[in-house]
Structure formats: C-alpha cells, structure tokens
C-alpha cells in the first residue's frame, strides 16, 4: 500500500512537471507574438505620426500662404518669354 501511494505521488509530480513545461512553452510563444505585435504597432504609430506631422506642416503652409495673400494680394506667376531677356 505504501508503494502504491509513493507511485501515485510520483505520477502526480511528473504530470505536474509536464503540464508546467507545456504552460511555459505556450507562455513563451504568446510572449513572442506579443513582442512582434508591439513592434508592428510602434512602427505603425511612427508612420502615422510622420503622416500627421506632414499633414500639420502642409496645413501650416496653407495658412501662411492665405495670410500672405490677404496682406499682399493673390500670387500670380509671371509669364516671361525668352524675348524679355534678349539683348536689343
């Protein structure tokens, strides 16, 4: 009877170790997936931040142009021909 009890304790101990190893392996896999997802999220946020920064810069430039045009008048490019620069 004592031998059977020790065998039961041994079986429970080995089973616990096996389940512990399985849990550890799954935890490691989940950790690696989470690290990859975090890296992708940070890369996406960095790209989104650059896009937002560019959009804000373009809005600021448009606002500056509007302010300049309201002060000076609208900007119209000059139409110049090569004949304007020829020597007579």
PDB file of N, CA and C in Angstrom:
ATOM      1  N   UNK A   1       0.815  -1.189   0.000  1.00  0.00           N
ATOM      2  CA  UNK A   1       0.000   0.000   0.000  1.00  0.00           C
ATOM      3  C   UNK A   1       0.860   1.254   0.000  1.00  0.00           C
ATOM      4  N   UNK A   2       1.951   1.222   0.779  1.00  0.00           N
ATOM      5  CA  UNK A   2       2.850   2.357   0.843  1.00  0.00           C
ATOM      6  C   UNK A   2       3.498   2.597  -0.512  1.00  0.00           C
ATOM      7  N   UNK A   3       3.840   1.557  -1.220  1.00  0.00           N
ATOM      8  CA  UNK A   3       4.470   1.661  -2.540  1.00  0.00           C
ATOM      9  C   UNK A   3       3.502   2.285  -3.543  1.00  0.00           C
ATOM     10  N   UNK A   4       2.258   1.883  -3.496  1.00  0.00           N
ATOM     11  CA  UNK A   4       1.263   2.456  -4.407  1.00  0.00           C
ATOM     12  C   UNK A   4       1.074   3.946  -4.141  1.00  0.00           C
ATOM     13  N   UNK A   5       1.094   4.340  -2.875  1.00  0.00           N
ATOM     14  CA  UNK A   5       0.949   5.750  -2.529  1.00  0.00           C
ATOM     15  C   UNK A   5       2.134   6.551  -3.059  1.00  0.00           C
ATOM     16  N   UNK A   6       3.351   6.022  -2.936  1.00  0.00           N
ATOM     17  CA  UNK A   6       4.545   6.703  -3.460  1.00  0.00           C
ATOM     18  C   UNK A   6       4.489   6.781  -4.984  1.00  0.00           C
ATOM     19  N   UNK A   7       3.976   5.743  -5.624  1.00  0.00           N
ATOM     20  CA  UNK A   7       3.841   5.770  -7.081  1.00  0.00           C
ATOM     21  C   UNK A   7       2.828   6.841  -7.495  1.00  0.00           C
ATOM     22  N   UNK A   8       1.734   6.967  -6.749  1.00  0.00           N
ATOM     23  CA  UNK A   8       0.735   7.999  -7.036  1.00  0.00           C
ATOM     24  C   UNK A   8       1.341   9.388  -6.884  1.00  0.00           C
ATOM     25  N   UNK A   9       2.100   9.596  -5.825  1.00  0.00           N
ATOM     26  CA  UNK A   9       2.761  10.886  -5.615  1.00  0.00           C
ATOM     27  C   UNK A   9       3.740  11.161  -6.758  1.00  0.00           C
ATOM     28  N   UNK A  10       4.486  10.160  -7.169  1.00  0.00           N
ATOM     29  CA  UNK A  10       5.424  10.309  -8.290  1.00  0.00           C
ATOM     30  C   UNK A  10       4.698  10.639  -9.587  1.00  0.00           C
ATOM     31  N   UNK A  11       3.589   9.947  -9.839  1.00  0.00           N
ATOM     32  CA  UNK A  11       2.804  10.200 -11.044  1.00  0.00           C
ATOM     33  C   UNK A  11       2.259  11.630 -11.053  1.00  0.00           C
ATOM     34  N   UNK A  12       1.730  12.079  -9.932  1.00  0.00           N
ATOM     35  CA  UNK A  12       1.208  13.444  -9.828  1.00  0.00           C
ATOM     36  C   UNK A  12       2.337  14.449 -10.024  1.00  0.00           C
ATOM     37  N   UNK A  13       3.508  14.168  -9.472  1.00  0.00           N
ATOM     38  CA  UNK A  13       4.655  15.067  -9.616  1.00  0.00           C
ATOM     39  C   UNK A  13       5.085  15.159 -11.082  1.00  0.00           C
ATOM     40  N   UNK A  14       5.212  14.046 -11.769  1.00  0.00           N
ATOM     41  CA  UNK A  14       5.618  14.030 -13.177  1.00  0.00           C
ATOM     42  C   UNK A  14       4.561  14.723 -14.036  1.00  0.00           C
ATOM     43  N   UNK A  15       3.288  14.431 -13.766  1.00  0.00           N
ATOM     44  CA  UNK A  15       2.205  15.077 -14.515  1.00  0.00           C
ATOM     45  C   UNK A  15       2.241  16.590 -14.318  1.00  0.00           C
ATOM     46  N   UNK A  16       2.482  17.032 -13.106  1.00  0.00           N
ATOM     47  CA  UNK A  16       2.576  18.461 -12.822  1.00  0.00           C
ATOM     48  C   UNK A  16       3.738  19.084 -13.586  1.00  0.00           C
ATOM     49  N   UNK A  17       4.874  18.390 -13.621  1.00  0.00           N
ATOM     50  CA  UNK A  17       6.030  18.892 -14.368  1.00  0.00           C
ATOM     51  C   UNK A  17       5.719  18.998 -15.867  1.00  0.00           C
ATOM     52  N   UNK A  18       5.063  17.995 -16.420  1.00  0.00           N
ATOM     53  CA  UNK A  18       4.727  18.010 -17.842  1.00  0.00           C
ATOM     54  C   UNK A  18       3.796  19.183 -18.154  1.00  0.00           C
ATOM     55  N   UNK A  19       2.758  19.363 -17.345  1.00  0.00           N
ATOM     56  CA  UNK A  19       1.846  20.478 -17.572  1.00  0.00           C
ATOM     57  C   UNK A  19       2.560  21.818 -17.375  1.00  0.00           C
ATOM     58  N   UNK A  20       3.475  21.876 -16.422  1.00  0.00           N
ATOM     59  CA  UNK A  20       4.247  23.101 -16.211  1.00  0.00           C
ATOM     60  C   UNK A  20       5.083  23.455 -17.431  1.00  0.00           C
ATOM     61  N   UNK A  21       5.718  22.450 -18.026  1.00  0.00           N
ATOM     62  CA  UNK A  21       6.517  22.681 -19.236  1.00  0.00           C
ATOM     63  C   UNK A  21       5.615  23.127 -20.385  1.00  0.00           C
ATOM     64  N   UNK A  22       4.465  22.501 -20.540  1.00  0.00           N
ATOM     65  CA  UNK A  22       3.532  22.900 -21.597  1.00  0.00           C
ATOM     66  C   UNK A  22       3.070  24.349 -21.417  1.00  0.00           C
ATOM     67  N   UNK A  23       2.738  24.719 -20.199  1.00  0.00           N
ATOM     68  CA  UNK A  23       2.306  26.088 -19.925  1.00  0.00           C
ATOM     69  C   UNK A  23       3.445  27.061 -20.218  1.00  0.00           C
ATOM     70  N   UNK A  24       4.662  26.711 -19.809  1.00  0.00           N
ATOM     71  CA  UNK A  24       5.819  27.580 -20.042  1.00  0.00           C
ATOM     72  C   UNK A  24       6.048  27.777 -21.540  1.00  0.00           C
ATOM     73  N   UNK A  25       5.954  26.691 -22.326  1.00  0.00           N
ATOM     74  CA  UNK A  25       6.159  26.809 -23.775  1.00  0.00           C
ATOM     75  C   UNK A  25       5.097  27.700 -24.406  1.00  0.00           C
ATOM     76  N   UNK A  26       3.846  27.535 -24.002  1.00  0.00           N
ATOM     77  CA  UNK A  26       2.780  28.365 -24.552  1.00  0.00           C
ATOM     78  C   UNK A  26       2.955  29.828 -24.141  1.00  0.00           C
ATOM     79  N   UNK A  27       3.375  30.060 -22.912  1.00  0.00           N
ATOM     80  CA  UNK A  27       3.629  31.423 -22.451  1.00  0.00           C
ATOM     81  C   UNK A  27       4.730  32.064 -23.279  1.00  0.00           C
ATOM     82  N   UNK A  28       5.770  31.321 -23.590  1.00  0.00           N
ATOM     83  CA  UNK A  28       6.876  31.837 -24.405  1.00  0.00           C
ATOM     84  C   UNK A  28       6.386  32.193 -25.809  1.00  0.00           C
ATOM     85  N   UNK A  29       5.558  31.318 -26.395  1.00  0.00           N
ATOM     86  CA  UNK A  29       5.022  31.603 -27.727  1.00  0.00           C
ATOM     87  C   UNK A  29       4.165  32.869 -27.720  1.00  0.00           C
ATOM     88  N   UNK A  30       3.320  32.991 -26.710  1.00  0.00           N
ATOM     89  CA  UNK A  30       2.463  34.175 -26.610  1.00  0.00           C
ATOM     90  C   UNK A  30       3.305  35.429 -26.407  1.00  0.00           C
ATOM     91  N   UNK A  31       4.364  35.318 -25.627  1.00  0.00           N
ATOM     92  CA  UNK A  31       5.253  36.453 -25.387  1.00  0.00           C
ATOM     93  C   UNK A  31       5.914  36.899 -26.691  1.00  0.00           C
ATOM     94  N   UNK A  32       6.360  35.955 -27.492  1.00  0.00           N
ATOM     95  CA  UNK A  32       6.994  36.304 -28.771  1.00  0.00           C
ATOM     96  C   UNK A  32       5.984  36.966 -29.713  1.00  0.00           C
ATOM     97  N   UNK A  33       4.767  36.463 -29.750  1.00  0.00           N
ATOM     98  CA  UNK A  33       3.728  37.082 -30.583  1.00  0.00           C
ATOM     99  C   UNK A  33       3.428  38.497 -30.109  1.00  0.00           C
ATOM    100  N   UNK A  34       3.377  38.672 -28.803  1.00  0.00           N
ATOM    101  CA  UNK A  34       3.090  39.998 -28.248  1.00  0.00           C
ATOM    102  C   UNK A  34       4.216  40.980 -28.577  1.00  0.00           C
ATOM    103  N   UNK A  35       5.452  40.534 -28.505  1.00  0.00           N
ATOM    104  CA  UNK A  35       6.576  41.405 -28.850  1.00  0.00           C
ATOM    105  C   UNK A  35       6.527  41.808 -30.320  1.00  0.00           C
ATOM    106  N   UNK A  36       6.190  40.875 -31.190  1.00  0.00           N
ATOM    107  CA  UNK A  36       6.079  41.173 -32.622  1.00  0.00           C
ATOM    108  C   UNK A  36       4.929  42.149 -32.870  1.00  0.00           C
ATOM    109  N   UNK A  37       3.803  41.920 -32.204  1.00  0.00           N
ATOM    110  CA  UNK A  37       2.671  42.822 -32.366  1.00  0.00           C
ATOM    111  C   UNK A  37       3.008  44.219 -31.850  1.00  0.00           C
ATOM    112  N   UNK A  38       3.733  44.298 -30.756  1.00  0.00           N
ATOM    113  CA  UNK A  38       4.130  45.597 -30.215  1.00  0.00           C
ATOM    114  C   UNK A  38       5.066  46.310 -31.175  1.00  0.00           C
ATOM    115  N   UNK A  39       5.994  45.583 -31.775  1.00  0.00           N
ATOM    116  CA  UNK A  39       6.925  46.176 -32.731  1.00  0.00           C
ATOM    117  C   UNK A  39       6.167  46.716 -33.945  1.00  0.00           C
ATOM    118  N   UNK A  40       5.219  45.934 -34.445  1.00  0.00           N
ATOM    119  CA  UNK A  40       4.413  46.377 -35.580  1.00  0.00           C
ATOM    120  C   UNK A  40       3.569  47.599 -35.222  1.00  0.00           C
ATOM    121  N   UNK A  41       3.025  47.604 -34.011  1.00  0.00           N
ATOM    122  CA  UNK A  41       2.217  48.735 -33.578  1.00  0.00           C
ATOM    123  C   UNK A  41       3.072  49.994 -33.474  1.00  0.00           C
ATOM    124  N   UNK A  42       4.272  49.877 -32.911  1.00  0.00           N
ATOM    125  CA  UNK A  42       5.156  51.039 -32.800  1.00  0.00           C
ATOM    126  C   UNK A  42       5.561  51.552 -34.171  1.00  0.00           C
ATOM    127  N   UNK A  43       5.827  50.639 -35.112  1.00  0.00           N
ATOM    128  CA  UNK A  43       6.174  51.051 -36.468  1.00  0.00           C
ATOM    129  C   UNK A  43       4.996  51.769 -37.125  1.00  0.00           C
ATOM    130  N   UNK A  44       3.804  51.224 -36.936  1.00  0.00           N
ATOM    131  CA  UNK A  44       2.607  51.851 -37.496  1.00  0.00           C
ATOM    132  C   UNK A  44       2.385  53.231 -36.882  1.00  0.00           C
ATOM    133  N   UNK A  45       2.553  53.343 -35.569  1.00  0.00           N
ATOM    134  CA  UNK A  45       2.373  54.632 -34.899  1.00  0.00           C
ATOM    135  C   UNK A  45       3.417  55.638 -35.368  1.00  0.00           C
ATOM    136  N   UNK A  46       4.630  55.166 -35.616  1.00  0.00           N
ATOM    137  CA  UNK A  46       5.681  56.059 -36.113  1.00  0.00           C
ATOM    138  C   UNK A  46       5.309  56.572 -37.503  1.00  0.00           C
ATOM    139  N   UNK A  47       4.835  55.677 -38.374  1.00  0.00           N
ATOM    140  CA  UNK A  47       4.419  56.097 -39.710  1.00  0.00           C
ATOM    141  C   UNK A  47       3.229  57.044 -39.641  1.00  0.00           C
ATOM    142  N   UNK A  48       2.285  56.730 -38.766  1.00  0.00           N
ATOM    143  CA  UNK A  48       1.119  57.582 -38.593  1.00  0.00           C
ATOM    144  C   UNK A  48       1.525  58.946 -38.054  1.00  0.00           C
ATOM    145  N   UNK A  49       2.483  58.960 -37.149  1.00  0.00           N
ATOM    146  CA  UNK A  49       2.978  60.219 -36.606  1.00  0.00           C
ATOM    147  C   UNK A  49       3.638  61.059 -37.674  1.00  0.00           C
ATOM    148  N   UNK A  50       4.419  60.414 -38.550  1.00  0.00           N
ATOM    149  CA  UNK A  50       5.052  61.149 -39.645  1.00  0.00           C
ATOM    150  C   UNK A  50       4.003  61.689 -40.594  1.00  0.00           C
ATOM    151  N   UNK A  51       2.978  60.906 -40.875  1.00  0.00           N
ATOM    152  CA  UNK A  51       1.917  61.362 -41.768  1.00  0.00           C
ATOM    153  C   UNK A  51       1.170  62.537 -41.138  1.00  0.00           C
ATOM    154  N   UNK A  52       0.889  62.446 -39.850  1.00  0.00           N
ATOM    155  CA  UNK A  52       0.204  63.538 -39.158  1.00  0.00           C
ATOM    156  C   UNK A  52       1.073  64.784 -39.131  1.00  0.00           C
ATOM    157  N   UNK A  53       2.364  64.593 -38.905  1.00  0.00           N
ATOM    158  CA  UNK A  53       3.288  65.725 -38.886  1.00  0.00           C
ATOM    159  C   UNK A  53       3.329  66.403 -40.253  1.00  0.00           C
ATOM    160  N   UNK A  54       3.360  65.617 -41.316  1.00  0.00           N
ATOM    161  CA  UNK A  54       3.367  66.170 -42.663  1.00  0.00           C
ATOM    162  C   UNK A  54       2.064  66.911 -42.940  1.00  0.00           C
ATOM    163  N   UNK A  55       0.936  66.339 -42.524  1.00  0.00           N
ATOM    164  CA  UNK A  55      -0.364  66.986 -42.721  1.00  0.00           C
ATOM    165  C   UNK A  55      -0.407  68.315 -41.973  1.00  0.00           C
ATOM    166  N   UNK A  56       0.078  68.337 -40.740  1.00  0.00           N
ATOM    167  CA  UNK A  56       0.089  69.590 -39.966  1.00  0.00           C
ATOM    168  C   UNK A  56       0.991  70.632 -40.616  1.00  0.00           C
ATOM    169  N   UNK A  57       2.129  70.189 -41.144  1.00  0.00           N
ATOM    170  CA  UNK A  57       3.047  71.107 -41.819  1.00  0.00           C
ATOM    171  C   UNK A  57       2.391  71.694 -43.067  1.00  0.00           C
ATOM    172  N   UNK A  58       1.683  70.867 -43.816  1.00  0.00           N
ATOM    173  CA  UNK A  58       1.012  71.362 -45.023  1.00  0.00           C
ATOM    174  C   UNK A  58      -0.098  72.341 -44.656  1.00  0.00           C
ATOM    175  N   UNK A  59      -0.829  72.061 -43.587  1.00  0.00           N
ATOM    176  CA  UNK A  59      -1.871  72.979 -43.145  1.00  0.00           C
ATOM    177  C   UNK A  59      -1.276  74.311 -42.709  1.00  0.00           C
ATOM    178  N   UNK A  60      -0.135  74.264 -42.026  1.00  0.00           N
ATOM    179  CA  UNK A  60       0.522  75.490 -41.585  1.00  0.00           C
ATOM    180  C   UNK A  60       0.992  76.297 -42.794  1.00  0.00           C
ATOM    181  N   UNK A  61       1.531  75.621 -43.805  1.00  0.00           N
ATOM    182  CA  UNK A  61       1.982  76.319 -45.012  1.00  0.00           C
ATOM    183  C   UNK A  61       0.800  76.949 -45.742  1.00  0.00           C
ATOM    184  N   UNK A  62      -0.324  76.249 -45.803  1.00  0.00           N
ATOM    185  CA  UNK A  62      -1.516  76.798 -46.460  1.00  0.00           C
ATOM    186  C   UNK A  62      -2.023  78.018 -45.702  1.00  0.00           C
ATOM    187  N   UNK A  63      -1.986  77.949 -44.379  1.00  0.00           N
ATOM    188  CA  UNK A  63      -2.430  79.082 -43.571  1.00  0.00           C
ATOM    189  C   UNK A  63      -1.501  80.277 -43.782  1.00  0.00           C
ATOM    190  N   UNK A  64      -0.196  80.041 -43.812  1.00  0.00           N
ATOM    191  CA  UNK A  64       0.761  81.123 -44.051  1.00  0.00           C
ATOM    192  C   UNK A  64       0.524  81.752 -45.425  1.00  0.00           C
ATOM    193  N   UNK A  65       0.250  80.909 -46.421  1.00  0.00           N
ATOM    194  CA  UNK A  65       0.009  81.438 -47.768  1.00  0.00           C
ATOM    195  C   UNK A  65      -1.254  82.285 -47.799  1.00  0.00           C
ATOM    196  N   UNK A  66      -2.304  81.829 -47.123  1.00  0.00           N
ATOM    197  CA  UNK A  66      -3.539  82.603 -47.069  1.00  0.00           C
ATOM    198  C   UNK A  66      -3.305  83.953 -46.390  1.00  0.00           C
ATOM    199  N   UNK A  67      -2.549  83.935 -45.293  1.00  0.00           N
ATOM    200  CA  UNK A  67      -2.249  85.183 -44.601  1.00  0.00           C
ATOM    201  C   UNK A  67      -1.430  86.113 -45.499  1.00  0.00           C
ATOM    202  N   UNK A  68      -0.470  85.557 -46.209  1.00  0.00           N
ATOM    203  CA  UNK A  68       0.360  86.362 -47.104  1.00  0.00           C
ATOM    204  C   UNK A  68      -0.487  86.951 -48.224  1.00  0.00           C
ATOM    205  N   UNK A  69      -1.359  86.123 -48.815  1.00  0.00           N
ATOM    206  CA  UNK A  69      -2.203  86.599 -49.906  1.00  0.00           C
ATOM    207  C   UNK A  69      -3.195  87.655 -49.423  1.00  0.00           C
ATOM    208  N   UNK A  70      -3.668  87.531 -48.195  1.00  0.00           N
ATOM    209  CA  UNK A  70      -4.598  88.538 -47.678  1.00  0.00           C
ATOM    210  C   UNK A  70      -3.879  89.866 -47.440  1.00  0.00           C
ATOM    211  N   UNK A  71      -2.601  89.816 -47.144  1.00  0.00           N
ATOM    212  CA  UNK A  71      -1.839  91.043 -46.904  1.00  0.00           C
ATOM    213  C   UNK A  71      -1.340  91.655 -48.207  1.00  0.00           C
ATOM    214  N   UNK A  72      -0.815  90.835 -49.114  1.00  0.00           N
ATOM    215  CA  UNK A  72      -0.158  91.317 -50.318  1.00  0.00           C
ATOM    216  C   UNK A  72      -1.072  91.253 -51.527  1.00  0.00           C
ATOM    217  N   UNK A  73      -1.929  90.345 -51.577  1.00  0.00           N
ATOM    218  CA  UNK A  73      -2.748  90.095 -52.755  1.00  0.00           C
ATOM    219  C   UNK A  73      -2.455  88.698 -53.243  1.00  0.00           C
ATOM    220  N   UNK A  74      -3.253  88.231 -54.171  1.00  0.00           N
ATOM    221  CA  UNK A  74      -3.057  86.858 -54.627  1.00  0.00           C
ATOM    222  C   UNK A  74      -1.771  86.736 -55.424  1.00  0.00           C
ATOM    223  N   UNK A  75      -1.201  85.593 -55.354  1.00  0.00           N
ATOM    224  CA  UNK A  75       0.060  85.311 -56.041  1.00  0.00           C
ATOM    225  C   UNK A  75      -0.252  84.810 -57.436  1.00  0.00           C
ATOM    226  N   UNK A  76       0.302  85.481 -58.422  1.00  0.00           N
ATOM    227  CA  UNK A  76       0.153  85.030 -59.798  1.00  0.00           C
ATOM    228  C   UNK A  76       1.546  84.935 -60.399  1.00  0.00           C
ATOM    229  N   UNK A  77       1.908  83.782 -60.934  1.00  0.00           N
ATOM    230  CA  UNK A  77       3.231  83.644 -61.511  1.00  0.00           C
ATOM    231  C   UNK A  77       3.373  84.533 -62.735  1.00  0.00           C
ATOM    232  N   UNK A  78       4.580  85.020 -62.943  1.00  0.00           N
ATOM    233  CA  UNK A  78       4.867  85.869 -64.097  1.00  0.00           C
ATOM    234  C   UNK A  78       4.999  85.024 -65.343  1.00  0.00           C
ATOM    235  N   UNK A  79       4.455  85.490 -66.440  1.00  0.00           N
ATOM    236  CA  UNK A  79       4.616  84.830 -67.732  1.00  0.00           C
ATOM    237  C   UNK A  79       5.725  85.561 -68.475  1.00  0.00           C
ATOM    238  N   UNK A  80       6.869  84.976 -68.481  1.00  0.00           N
ATOM    239  CA  UNK A  80       8.011  85.616 -69.123  1.00  0.00           C
ATOM    240  C   UNK A  80       8.466  84.763 -70.288  1.00  0.00           C
ATOM    241  N   UNK A  81       8.729  85.400 -71.383  1.00  0.00           N
ATOM    242  CA  UNK A  81       9.251  84.722 -72.558  1.00  0.00           C
ATOM    243  C   UNK A  81      10.749  84.952 -72.621  1.00  0.00           C
ATOM    244  N   UNK A  82      11.399  84.177 -73.478  1.00  0.00           N
ATOM    245  CA  UNK A  82      12.831  84.382 -73.681  1.00  0.00           C
ATOM    246  C   UNK A  82      13.092  85.733 -74.346  1.00  0.00           C
ATOM    247  N   UNK A  83      12.093  86.267 -75.034  1.00  0.00           N
ATOM    248  CA  UNK A  83      12.273  87.542 -75.716  1.00  0.00           C
ATOM    249  C   UNK A  83      12.448  88.688 -74.707  1.00  0.00           C
ATOM    250  N   UNK A  84      11.961  88.503 -73.493  1.00  0.00           N
ATOM    251  CA  UNK A  84      12.126  89.535 -72.482  1.00  0.00           C
ATOM    252  C   UNK A  84      13.576  89.710 -72.086  1.00  0.00           C
ATOM    253  N   UNK A  85      14.383  88.666 -72.261  1.00  0.00           N
ATOM    254  CA  UNK A  85      15.782  88.716 -71.845  1.00  0.00           C
ATOM    255  C   UNK A  85      16.747  88.899 -72.993  1.00  0.00           C
ATOM    256  N   UNK A  86      16.244  89.035 -74.212  1.00  0.00           N
ATOM    257  CA  UNK A  86      17.145  89.189 -75.365  1.00  0.00           C
ATOM    258  C   UNK A  86      17.715  90.597 -75.398  1.00  0.00           C
ATOM    259  N   UNK A  87      18.918  90.681 -75.864  1.00  0.00           N
ATOM    260  CA  UNK A  87      19.571  91.977 -75.956  1.00  0.00           C
ATOM    261  C   UNK A  87      19.200  92.638 -77.280  1.00  0.00           C
ATOM    262  N   UNK A  88      18.770  93.858 -77.223  1.00  0.00           N
ATOM    263  CA  UNK A  88      18.354  94.561 -78.444  1.00  0.00           C
ATOM    264  C   UNK A  88      19.460  95.415 -78.979  1.00  0.00           C
TER     265      UNK A  88
END
